[in-house]
Amino acid sequence: MQNGDVVKTQLKNGVRIISEKISGVRSVSTGIWVGAGSRHEPEGKEGISHFIEHLMFKGTKKRSASDIAEALDSVGGQLNAFTTKEFTCYYTKTLDEHFALGLDVLSDMFFNATFTEKAIDKERGVIEEEIKMYEDTPDDLIHDFFVQTVWPDHPLGKPILGTIESLENIQRDDLINYLHETYLSQRLVIAMAGNLEHQEVQNKVAEIFAEMKPGEAKLEFFAPQNTETVTSNLSRKTGQVQICLGTGGLSQKDERIYTLYILNNVLGGGLSSRLVQSIREERGLAYSVFSYHSTFCDTGLFTFYAGTSPTKYDEVIRLLLKEVQDIVTNGITDKELKRAKEQIKGNLFLGLENVSSRMTRLGRNELCLNRIIPLSEFVEHISAVTLEDVQVLARDLFEDNHYTLSTIGPLEKPLDLQSFLP
């Protein structure tokens, strides 16, 4: 299948290969995307997806950990990986002439990682330190704490890194079994973008991945139930109160997602947004304040964040809710709508000047939507959003006041959210 400069091939075993030719660059970014993330993990083994991601770099049958690191460094390339709640990605970025080397290192890690007991024990310690570092950064921690409050009994509410306790429960057999259950050919997307020739690179990738045997997909996952009004507080002796206030959002597959992009941009998506202007610029109550939407394949969250003084948090929360209520009641202005559309389109195209961003877009789209959304289609949907669309969506999301409020800071107990609501 070909869509402009994007070509997709699906092998008999289900592996999907997608490439996008970008003229005028000298680089190629290649990613191995696996439809396995923290939401797929068994109870008590939280963090196993991220654990495996780390261990892939710790040696194969033919390369030591240092060999893997040096292979791409020696040609000025990049090798990295990341784990999310829904997938894991291993990727390289190299000059086009070193594409084959990048692919060789990635596929060697993917098929031949050894997972030695020594590497497992050492990396367990590394991740435990990563968890401690994260927990010592309240302006990062608040976002995970918020999601855990929203979905306390669902895998989406669990931290991607896991916990120190869950890491201690993960042994080598658990890692191997999880690999066999999730790293299946039908859950695999190989995405490439840059200065490449479609047929040549797709043939090369197919040679490597065609022999993968389809496994039996045993893991099932379900969408979480949206919570009613809930509050939580993590008491810390910090100089600020970290605040996350949010409600249910939209899934990536929801046709209203383009309207949500506009709504988020107007509320807290940039320096000209309502929240930044009201809370930071006009009143000086916070340095960092913004809104964001977390979209998953079957659900989503819309969240407001601010970090402020312990004596000002109540005013900040009231201002957050005031701006939301104004859009629910009065909608947004034509000027705001036009500005948001141009910002979103500008950010999209500027971001896609990077081959790694292009590769990431291919992988994410294919894993979640099973299709690549053409840029022209995205722009068309954004351009079609109306003032009424934005107000209707704001009412759908916010009118019932089903908020969750989480805070980290020098507070003794969770706040009474009802006292802030109109």
Protein backbone atom coordinates (compact mmCIF):
# COMPACT_ATOMS: atom_id res chain seq x y z
CA MET A 1 0.00 0.00 0.00
CA GLN A 2 1.30 3.46 -0.89
CA ASN A 3 0.05 6.85 0.32
CA GLY A 4 2.18 9.59 -1.18
CA ASP A 5 5.71 9.07 0.10
CA VAL A 6 4.57 6.54 2.72
CA VAL A 7 4.68 2.88 1.75
CA LYS A 8 3.34 0.03 3.87
CA THR A 9 4.02 -3.68 3.49
CA GLN A 10 2.58 -6.42 5.69
CA LEU A 11 4.42 -9.72 5.84
CA LYS A 12 2.62 -13.05 6.03
CA ASN A 13 3.40 -13.32 9.74
CA GLY A 14 1.72 -9.97 10.46
CA VAL A 15 4.81 -7.76 10.77
CA ARG A 16 4.08 -4.32 9.32
CA ILE A 17 6.86 -2.40 7.55
CA ILE A 18 6.27 1.30 6.90
CA SER A 19 8.70 3.69 5.26
CA GLU A 20 8.53 7.35 4.31
CA LYS A 21 10.96 8.87 1.83
CA ILE A 22 12.01 12.43 2.71
CA SER A 23 13.96 14.27 0.07
CA GLY A 24 16.66 16.77 0.95
CA VAL A 25 17.98 15.06 4.10
CA ARG A 26 21.00 12.79 4.68
CA SER A 27 19.62 10.84 7.64
CA VAL A 28 17.39 7.84 8.29
CA SER A 29 15.50 7.02 11.49
CA THR A 30 14.45 3.42 12.07
CA GLY A 31 12.19 2.19 14.86
CA ILE A 32 11.07 -1.23 16.03
CA TRP A 33 7.67 -0.66 17.65
CA VAL A 34 6.07 -3.31 19.85
CA GLY A 35 2.46 -3.14 21.00
CA ALA A 36 3.41 -3.88 24.60
CA GLY A 37 3.56 -1.31 27.38
CA SER A 38 2.75 -0.92 31.03
CA ARG A 39 -1.00 -1.39 30.55
CA HIS A 40 -0.36 -4.97 29.38
CA GLU A 41 1.62 -6.04 32.42
CA PRO A 42 0.39 -8.71 34.87
CA GLU A 43 -0.43 -7.63 38.39
CA GLY A 44 2.60 -7.67 40.66
CA LYS A 45 5.02 -7.37 37.70
CA GLU A 46 4.59 -3.65 37.08
CA GLY A 47 7.60 -2.20 35.26
CA ILE A 48 8.44 -5.37 33.33
CA SER A 49 8.05 -3.70 29.90
CA HIS A 50 10.50 -0.96 30.88
CA PHE A 51 12.82 -3.53 32.48
CA ILE A 52 13.00 -5.45 29.18
CA GLU A 53 13.67 -2.23 27.27
CA HIS A 54 16.74 -1.61 29.45
CA LEU A 55 18.00 -5.19 29.16
CA MET A 56 17.90 -5.16 25.37
CA PHE A 57 21.00 -2.92 25.49
CA LYS A 58 22.97 -5.16 27.87
CA GLY A 59 24.40 -7.66 25.45
CA THR A 60 23.53 -10.11 22.67
CA LYS A 61 25.02 -13.38 21.49
CA LYS A 62 27.53 -11.49 19.33
CA ARG A 63 27.78 -8.02 20.95
CA SER A 64 28.60 -6.93 24.49
CA ALA A 65 26.84 -3.93 26.02
CA SER A 66 29.83 -1.75 25.14
CA ASP A 67 29.85 -3.12 21.57
CA ILE A 68 26.21 -2.07 21.19
CA ALA A 69 26.93 1.42 22.51
CA GLU A 70 30.02 1.88 20.35
CA ALA A 71 28.46 0.57 17.12
CA LEU A 72 26.35 3.68 16.53
CA ASP A 73 28.58 6.14 18.40
CA SER A 74 31.43 5.28 16.04
CA VAL A 75 29.50 6.58 13.03
CA GLY A 76 27.88 9.57 14.76
CA GLY A 77 24.54 7.82 15.04
CA GLN A 78 22.00 7.57 17.85
CA LEU A 79 20.56 4.48 19.53
CA ASN A 80 17.85 4.67 22.15
CA ALA A 81 14.48 3.35 23.32
CA PHE A 82 11.44 4.31 25.34
CA THR A 83 8.47 2.62 26.98
CA THR A 84 4.97 4.07 27.24
CA LYS A 85 1.72 2.76 28.66
CA GLU A 86 0.78 1.15 25.33
CA PHE A 87 3.98 0.36 23.43
CA THR A 88 7.77 0.10 23.46
CA CYS A 89 10.05 1.54 20.77
CA TYR A 90 13.71 0.83 19.96
CA TYR A 91 15.16 3.26 17.44
CA THR A 92 18.23 4.57 15.66
CA LYS A 93 19.08 7.69 13.71
CA THR A 94 22.04 7.53 11.34
CA LEU A 95 23.36 8.95 8.13
CA ASP A 96 21.68 7.22 5.21
CA GLU A 97 24.90 5.37 4.37
CA HIS A 98 24.80 3.71 7.82
CA PHE A 99 21.15 2.63 7.70
CA ALA A 100 22.13 -1.04 7.41
CA LEU A 101 24.33 -0.82 10.50
CA GLY A 102 21.52 0.72 12.53
CA LEU A 103 19.10 -1.97 11.43
CA ASP A 104 21.64 -4.70 12.19
CA VAL A 105 22.18 -3.46 15.75
CA LEU A 106 18.45 -3.06 16.39
CA SER A 107 17.56 -6.51 15.05
CA ASP A 108 20.48 -8.12 16.92
CA MET A 109 19.18 -6.63 20.18
CA PHE A 110 15.62 -7.62 19.36
CA PHE A 111 16.30 -11.26 18.49
CA ASN A 112 19.50 -12.10 20.39
CA ALA A 113 19.50 -10.25 23.73
CA THR A 114 20.90 -12.65 26.34
CA PHE A 115 19.22 -11.44 29.56
CA THR A 116 21.95 -12.77 31.80
CA GLU A 117 21.33 -12.96 35.55
CA LYS A 118 24.24 -10.57 36.12
CA ALA A 119 22.74 -7.98 33.75
CA ILE A 120 19.29 -8.41 35.29
CA ASP A 121 20.54 -7.81 38.83
CA LYS A 122 22.62 -4.81 37.79
CA GLU A 123 19.85 -3.20 35.75
CA ARG A 124 17.32 -3.78 38.51
CA GLY A 125 19.51 -1.53 40.65
CA VAL A 126 19.77 1.08 37.88
CA ILE A 127 15.98 1.27 37.52
CA GLU A 128 15.49 1.44 41.27
CA GLU A 129 17.72 4.52 41.26
CA GLU A 130 15.71 5.90 38.35
CA ILE A 131 12.54 5.47 40.42
CA LYS A 132 14.10 7.23 43.42
CA MET A 133 15.26 10.10 41.21
CA TYR A 134 11.78 10.42 39.76
CA GLU A 135 10.15 10.40 43.19
CA ASP A 136 12.50 13.21 44.25
CA THR A 137 11.13 15.41 41.44
CA PRO A 138 7.60 16.40 42.54
CA ASP A 139 6.79 18.39 39.39
CA ASP A 140 7.27 15.16 37.42
CA LEU A 141 5.83 12.80 40.03
CA ILE A 142 2.54 14.70 40.29
CA HIS A 143 1.44 13.50 36.84
CA ASP A 144 1.83 9.81 37.70
CA PHE A 145 0.28 10.40 41.12
CA PHE A 146 -2.71 12.01 39.40
CA VAL A 147 -3.21 9.11 36.97
CA GLN A 148 -2.99 6.62 39.86
CA THR A 149 -5.72 8.60 41.62
CA VAL A 150 -7.94 8.57 38.53
CA TRP A 151 -7.45 4.86 37.78
CA PRO A 152 -6.28 3.22 41.02
CA ASP A 153 -7.30 -0.31 40.03
CA HIS A 154 -6.44 -0.24 36.33
CA PRO A 155 -3.08 -0.94 34.63
CA LEU A 156 -3.17 2.51 32.98
CA GLY A 157 -2.93 3.97 36.47
CA LYS A 158 0.30 2.13 37.26
CA PRO A 159 3.71 3.81 36.79
CA ILE A 160 5.65 2.82 33.69
CA LEU A 161 8.82 2.35 35.76
CA GLY A 162 7.05 0.06 38.20
CA THR A 163 7.88 0.21 41.88
CA ILE A 164 10.89 -0.98 43.84
CA GLU A 165 8.68 -3.74 45.25
CA SER A 166 7.41 -4.91 41.85
CA LEU A 167 10.95 -4.91 40.40
CA GLU A 168 12.07 -7.25 43.17
CA ASN A 169 9.33 -9.66 42.09
CA ILE A 170 10.52 -9.82 38.47
CA GLN A 171 12.87 -12.72 37.73
CA ARG A 172 14.45 -13.94 34.51
CA ASP A 173 11.65 -16.44 33.79
CA ASP A 174 9.10 -13.65 34.12
CA LEU A 175 10.99 -11.54 31.59
CA ILE A 176 11.28 -14.37 29.06
CA ASN A 177 7.63 -15.39 29.46
CA TYR A 178 6.44 -11.80 29.02
CA LEU A 179 8.56 -11.48 25.87
CA HIS A 180 7.01 -14.62 24.42
CA GLU A 181 3.51 -13.37 25.23
CA THR A 182 3.86 -9.81 23.92
CA TYR A 183 6.74 -9.48 21.44
CA LEU A 184 4.70 -11.12 18.69
CA SER A 185 4.94 -10.55 14.96
CA GLN A 186 1.35 -9.31 14.74
CA ARG A 187 2.13 -6.66 17.38
CA LEU A 188 5.23 -5.43 15.55
CA VAL A 189 5.70 -2.34 13.36
CA ILE A 190 9.01 -1.45 11.70
CA ALA A 191 8.90 2.27 10.86
CA MET A 192 11.50 4.18 8.84
CA ALA A 193 11.75 7.74 7.63
CA GLY A 194 14.45 9.69 5.82
CA ASN A 195 16.63 9.49 2.73
CA LEU A 196 15.79 5.95 1.70
CA GLU A 197 14.59 3.89 -1.23
CA HIS A 198 11.39 2.11 -0.27
CA GLN A 199 11.88 -1.17 -2.05
CA GLU A 200 15.49 -1.56 -1.00
CA VAL A 201 14.97 -0.95 2.71
CA GLN A 202 11.71 -2.86 2.87
CA ASN A 203 13.34 -5.87 1.23
CA LYS A 204 16.19 -5.69 3.74
CA VAL A 205 13.81 -5.46 6.70
CA ALA A 206 11.62 -8.25 5.34
CA GLU A 207 14.60 -10.59 5.12
CA ILE A 208 15.22 -10.13 8.85
CA PHE A 209 11.67 -10.24 10.21
CA ALA A 210 9.89 -12.62 7.82
CA GLU A 211 11.01 -15.66 9.82
CA MET A 212 9.29 -14.52 13.01
CA LYS A 213 6.57 -17.01 13.87
CA PRO A 214 3.21 -15.58 14.92
CA GLY A 215 2.52 -16.29 18.56
CA GLU A 216 -0.76 -16.59 20.37
CA ALA A 217 -1.90 -13.25 21.77
CA LYS A 218 -3.00 -14.18 25.29
CA LEU A 219 -3.10 -10.72 26.81
CA GLU A 220 -6.40 -8.86 26.89
CA PHE A 221 -6.96 -5.32 28.06
CA PHE A 222 -10.02 -3.24 28.75
CA ALA A 223 -10.80 0.44 29.03
CA PRO A 224 -10.94 1.88 32.57
CA GLN A 225 -14.08 3.34 34.06
CA ASN A 226 -14.00 7.10 34.55
CA THR A 227 -14.04 8.05 38.22
CA GLU A 228 -16.37 10.41 40.01
CA THR A 229 -15.00 13.38 41.97
CA VAL A 230 -11.85 12.17 43.77
CA THR A 231 -9.05 13.96 45.62
CA SER A 232 -5.63 12.86 46.84
CA ASN A 233 -2.61 14.48 48.47
CA LEU A 234 0.98 13.35 48.89
CA SER A 235 2.34 15.32 51.82
CA ARG A 236 5.86 16.60 51.16
CA LYS A 237 7.89 19.43 52.70
CA THR A 238 8.33 21.30 49.43
CA GLY A 239 8.37 24.99 48.55
CA GLN A 240 5.46 24.60 46.15
CA VAL A 241 2.17 22.76 45.91
CA GLN A 242 2.06 20.72 42.70
CA ILE A 243 -1.47 20.54 41.31
CA CYS A 244 -3.08 18.27 38.73
CA LEU A 245 -6.79 18.73 38.10
CA GLY A 246 -8.50 16.77 35.37
CA THR A 247 -11.33 14.74 33.96
CA GLY A 248 -12.00 12.11 31.33
CA GLY A 249 -10.78 12.93 27.82
CA LEU A 250 -11.00 11.27 24.41
CA SER A 251 -9.37 8.23 22.88
CA GLN A 252 -7.05 8.56 19.90
CA LYS A 253 -9.79 7.01 17.75
CA ASP A 254 -12.49 9.53 18.71
CA GLU A 255 -13.46 11.72 15.75
CA ARG A 256 -13.62 14.73 18.09
CA ILE A 257 -9.88 14.51 18.81
CA TYR A 258 -9.19 17.43 16.44
CA THR A 259 -11.61 19.61 18.37
CA LEU A 260 -9.82 18.58 21.55
CA TYR A 261 -6.52 19.80 20.09
CA ILE A 262 -8.13 23.23 19.64
CA LEU A 263 -9.71 23.28 23.10
CA ASN A 264 -6.44 22.31 24.78
CA ASN A 265 -4.48 24.92 22.83
CA VAL A 266 -6.85 27.72 23.88
CA LEU A 267 -6.99 26.67 27.53
CA GLY A 268 -3.36 25.90 28.31
CA GLY A 269 -1.38 24.87 25.25
CA GLY A 270 0.99 27.80 24.89
CA LEU A 271 2.15 31.20 26.14
CA SER A 272 -0.90 32.93 24.66
CA SER A 273 -3.34 30.44 26.26
CA ARG A 274 -5.95 31.53 28.78
CA LEU A 275 -4.36 29.79 31.75
CA VAL A 276 -0.90 31.21 31.17
CA GLN A 277 -2.24 34.71 30.65
CA SER A 278 -4.59 34.61 33.65
CA ILE A 279 -2.47 32.77 36.22
CA ARG A 280 1.10 33.61 35.25
CA GLU A 281 1.12 36.84 33.28
CA GLU A 282 -1.71 38.79 34.95
CA ARG A 283 -1.34 37.57 38.55
CA GLY A 284 2.14 36.03 38.86
CA LEU A 285 0.81 33.00 40.75
CA ALA A 286 2.82 30.31 38.95
CA TYR A 287 5.87 29.91 36.77
CA SER A 288 4.63 26.72 35.12
CA VAL A 289 0.95 26.28 34.24
CA PHE A 290 -0.52 24.37 31.31
CA SER A 291 -3.10 21.84 30.16
CA TYR A 292 -2.61 18.62 28.24
CA HIS A 293 -4.55 15.62 26.98
CA SER A 294 -3.32 12.05 27.38
CA THR A 295 -4.82 9.96 24.60
CA PHE A 296 -4.75 6.19 24.52
CA CYS A 297 -6.22 3.76 22.01
CA ASP A 298 -9.49 3.45 23.93
CA THR A 299 -9.65 6.27 26.50
CA GLY A 300 -8.09 9.57 27.54
CA LEU A 301 -7.58 12.20 30.23
CA PHE A 302 -7.70 15.99 30.07
CA THR A 303 -5.46 17.54 32.73
CA PHE A 304 -4.53 20.95 34.08
CA TYR A 305 -1.21 21.42 35.86
CA ALA A 306 0.22 24.23 37.98
CA GLY A 307 2.97 24.61 40.58
CA THR A 308 2.37 27.41 43.08
CA SER A 309 3.00 28.70 46.60
CA PRO A 310 1.31 26.88 49.53
CA THR A 311 -0.51 30.13 50.28
CA LYS A 312 -1.88 30.52 46.74
CA TYR A 313 -3.02 27.06 45.64
CA ASP A 314 -6.71 27.75 46.35
CA GLU A 315 -6.69 30.86 44.15
CA VAL A 316 -4.96 28.95 41.34
CA ILE A 317 -7.53 26.13 41.45
CA ARG A 318 -10.39 28.61 41.35
CA LEU A 319 -8.86 30.38 38.36
CA LEU A 320 -8.38 27.07 36.53
CA LEU A 321 -12.04 26.23 37.02
CA LYS A 322 -13.12 29.78 36.17
CA GLU A 323 -11.49 29.61 32.73
CA VAL A 324 -13.04 26.21 32.07
CA GLN A 325 -16.49 27.39 33.10
CA ASP A 326 -16.21 30.46 30.88
CA ILE A 327 -15.63 28.27 27.83
CA VAL A 328 -18.47 25.93 28.84
CA THR A 329 -20.82 28.92 29.16
CA ASN A 330 -19.57 31.30 26.47
CA GLY A 331 -17.31 29.28 24.18
CA ILE A 332 -14.12 30.69 22.66
CA THR A 333 -13.63 33.66 20.36
CA ASP A 334 -13.12 33.58 16.63
CA LYS A 335 -9.65 35.06 17.17
CA GLU A 336 -8.74 32.23 19.58
CA LEU A 337 -10.00 29.63 17.14
CA LYS A 338 -7.95 30.99 14.24
CA ARG A 339 -4.81 31.35 16.37
CA ALA A 340 -5.13 27.81 17.73
CA LYS A 341 -5.52 26.34 14.25
CA GLU A 342 -2.41 28.11 12.99
CA GLN A 343 -0.41 27.12 16.07
CA ILE A 344 -1.35 23.47 15.76
CA LYS A 345 -0.58 23.35 12.05
CA GLY A 346 2.68 25.22 12.55
CA ASN A 347 3.81 22.93 15.38
CA LEU A 348 2.94 19.88 13.29
CA PHE A 349 4.95 20.87 10.25
CA LEU A 350 7.90 22.24 12.21
CA GLY A 351 8.08 19.02 14.20
CA LEU A 352 8.01 16.90 11.07
CA GLU A 353 11.16 18.53 9.72
CA ASN A 354 12.92 15.96 11.95
CA VAL A 355 13.15 12.42 10.54
CA SER A 356 12.82 10.92 14.03
CA SER A 357 9.52 12.76 14.51
CA ARG A 358 8.32 11.42 11.17
CA MET A 359 9.29 7.88 12.14
CA THR A 360 7.54 8.25 15.50
CA ARG A 361 4.36 9.45 13.83
CA LEU A 362 4.35 6.40 11.55
CA GLY A 363 4.81 3.96 14.43
CA ARG A 364 2.24 5.52 16.75
CA ASN A 365 -0.42 5.86 14.04
CA GLU A 366 -0.02 2.31 12.83
CA LEU A 367 -0.04 0.67 16.26
CA CYS A 368 -3.04 2.58 17.58
CA LEU A 369 -5.10 3.31 14.47
CA ASN A 370 -3.85 0.64 12.06
CA ARG A 371 -3.43 3.39 9.47
CA ILE A 372 -1.28 6.43 8.76
CA ILE A 373 -3.22 9.69 8.80
CA PRO A 374 -2.03 11.80 5.82
CA LEU A 375 -0.90 15.29 6.78
CA SER A 376 -3.47 16.75 4.41
CA GLU A 377 -6.24 14.87 6.24
CA PHE A 378 -5.01 16.13 9.62
CA VAL A 379 -4.96 19.73 8.40
CA GLU A 380 -8.39 19.33 6.83
CA HIS A 381 -9.87 18.11 10.13
CA ILE A 382 -8.25 20.93 12.12
CA SER A 383 -9.46 23.53 9.62
CA ALA A 384 -13.02 22.20 9.83
CA VAL A 385 -13.39 22.70 13.62
CA THR A 386 -15.99 25.36 14.46
CA LEU A 387 -16.65 27.57 17.48
CA GLU A 388 -19.72 25.47 18.24
CA ASP A 389 -17.68 22.24 18.09
CA VAL A 390 -15.32 23.55 20.77
CA GLN A 391 -18.09 24.68 23.11
CA VAL A 392 -20.04 21.43 22.73
CA LEU A 393 -16.95 19.39 23.54
CA ALA A 394 -16.14 21.61 26.54
CA ARG A 395 -19.64 20.97 27.86
CA ASP A 396 -19.29 17.22 27.30
CA LEU A 397 -15.99 17.11 29.18
CA PHE A 398 -16.49 19.63 31.97
CA GLU A 399 -20.14 20.46 32.59
CA ASP A 400 -20.79 17.59 35.04
CA ASN A 401 -17.80 18.55 37.24
CA HIS A 402 -16.47 14.97 37.43
CA TYR A 403 -12.99 16.14 38.32
CA THR A 404 -10.06 14.47 40.00
CA LEU A 405 -7.68 16.66 42.01
CA SER A 406 -4.21 15.54 43.11
CA THR A 407 -1.62 17.58 44.98
CA ILE A 408 1.92 17.12 46.23
CA GLY A 409 3.20 19.53 48.85
CA PRO A 410 3.02 20.69 52.47
CA LEU A 411 -0.68 19.93 52.92
CA GLU A 412 -1.89 17.64 55.68
CA LYS A 413 -4.81 16.05 53.82
CA PRO A 414 -6.57 16.06 50.42
CA LEU A 415 -8.39 19.25 49.55
CA ASP A 416 -12.17 19.48 49.52
CA LEU A 417 -12.73 19.68 45.79
CA GLN A 418 -16.44 20.38 46.21
CA SER A 419 -15.60 23.71 47.84
CA PHE A 420 -13.98 24.87 44.59
CA LEU A 421 -16.76 23.78 42.24
CA PRO A 422 -19.49 26.18 41.13
